Amino acid sequence: MTTSPVTDQFTFVGRYEDDERLADLVGPGCPFEVETVEIDGVPVRSFAHAPATLVDLFEMAAAHDDKIYLVLDDARLTYGEIRRQAAGLSRALRDVHGVKPGDRVAVAMRNLPEFVTTLWAAALSGAIFVPLNAWWQGPELARALDEARPSVVIADSERADRLRTTGYELSPMITVGAGASDEHAFDVLTSHPPLTRDDYAVPAPDDPNAILFTSGTTGNPKGVVTTHRGTIANIWNMMFMPVRDMTLNGGLPTATASSGQRSGILTTPLFHIGGLAAVLGAAISGAKTVLLRRWDVDEAMRIVADENVTGLGGVPTIAREMLEHPRIRHFADQIATFTMGAASVPPDLPRLVHDVLGEQTQLFNGYGSTETTSSVISNVGAEYASRRDSVGRLNMTAELRVERIGGGFVGAGELGQLCIRSPQTTRGYWNNPDATADAFVDGWFRTGDLGYIDEAGFVYVVDRVKDVIIRGGENVYCAEVEGVLFEHPSVTDVAVVGIADPTMGELVCAVVIPRAGACPELSQLREFAGARLAAFKCPEAMYVTDDVPRTATGKIAKKELKKKVDADLAAVERSREPSRAPNRRN
């Protein structure tokens, strides 16, 4: 991969086509060949031979009609069954509810097969799919619907009840599950005669395909507008990066399912960009996805055995639960891949995967956001094992600039805000031009993350721009401190926040969830961190709790956590060592 600039000294790109070993993958006429296209007047790298839209992907999935697509409890649905239901629902949306291309179709439900059916039905109708956070209460759901103004809302009974308490009546509601009348029952609508291929909508690649609401860690959730091209580019990139690793480092993983079908457990909410990417990407290979009503590690281990699961993973907290479960080692010859992401991954986790499951297990970590239609940077396989603190290399179609705080751009090895340009970069925020103008500039998305790219092309995320602690005039990057404290044997989870101090301005405070039976002490954490970090970065305060506020994707909600700590300062343990500014002569 070449990391030299494409158009100027500050723009970096993953030029995998320069690697002769990958010629059969990325060369002219090959599956991952890249071409330059213009989107809104901005040149971007795009896959030349990928499906153009989700409608094309839906048709490709017909090759797997006899395979199991979704499993939930005792329900087992094939690709053919889901495709038929989607085509029937699409006809009902068009003929009964008058849904036209560009209209919105909203969904409010937990991880159910009906969610996936509606996703495909919206695509066939040319509609914009609007998945709502299933954790929201009635007023939150109603606020998002008021913003999106869908033509119809499809909800499970619990979310429907929440909405009814608000008096929401702007859109007709189709109900999934018990209590639904025939007129508004999901099963009745899916039984309509399915659309034929000639009836499918014909969207353009850069038409919107979804509005996904952000997790709201920095304020009210914003509706991110994704496109067909961006969604497909993400799927194609997620296919390429593991294949590249296998091509360069020794072929296919040794573990395979006895059925020959890849399968995984979805631990991510379907309303999250990662959940959508998983069920859409499965359609390429005909993989099986097992849905969960709620996370339970014991139940997950049962499913791994019963469903011949070949791929595991999740956010770091869930990944660690799996890896520390007593049954997990029994599946070392079965698990081919282990994926982590959606939050900062502690460096010890990839090492733990290989310790528990063996080095034949392919590691995967993706960096991205809703605004980049999931991962645009990936660390995979052998490279991840050797660079555990990096989020990886740029994907095939991604470009990177590092913006200096205060203006301008910097080169390799220099710290700044990561900015991404890609066909995956979304169209901005729905009905929010001010927020769009602030975050999206000339096709570049300003991620809000501080980081850098090294000379070898590996990207490192240091912290969120807004999460940096300024202690005695020195910057302390929370993610760096958290990465060290995660490895303390008494710590299950940890987050670092700044608390006000009259001398230093801010102190480094570790918010710790201890392991069962453990009683971590601040002096122990300071000593542990001091072996790897400068003294001014080591925690000077500790707040012990059994839970922390999180977003729907499992990330720690730092803003809410800081409010929690600030409101309970009497419970914060402080170091007895006097606070001193760093010795600037050293």
Foldseek 3Di string as FASTA:
>chain_A
DAQQADPDRFKGADPPCVPPLCCQAANPPHQADWDWDDDPNFTFIAGPHFDLFLLSLLVLLVVFQVFFAEAEDPDTHGSVRLSLLLQLLLVCCCPVLVDAAAAEEEEAEFPDSVLVSPLSNCQQRNYAYEYDDNPDAQVLVLVVCVQRVHQEYEYEPVNVVRVVVVVDDSHHYAYEDPPGDCVRHSVNSSPGRGDDPVSGDDDGSADWHYWAWFLALPHRTFTFTWGRRLLRRVLVLVVPPQVVCQSVPPHAQQAAFPVRAAEEEDQATCSFLVNVSVSSSCSNRVHYYYYYPHDDLVVVLVCCVVVLHAEEEAEQLVLVVNLPDPCNLVCLNRHQEYEYEPAQHQLCSVVSCCVRNNLSRKYKYFDDHVQLSTGQAMQIRPRCVVVVQFRHAGTNTKMWGFAAVVGDTDHAPDKHFIKIAGSSRTPATRPPVVRRCVQADSRIGGPQWIWGAHSVRTIGTQAGVVQWDQWQNDTAGFSVLQSQLCPPQQFSHWTWHWDQDPPGRTFIEIEGETDVPDDDDLVVQQVSSVVPDPNRNGGFKYAYDNDADAGSRRYGSVVVRVVVCVVPVVRIDGHPDDDDRDDVVD
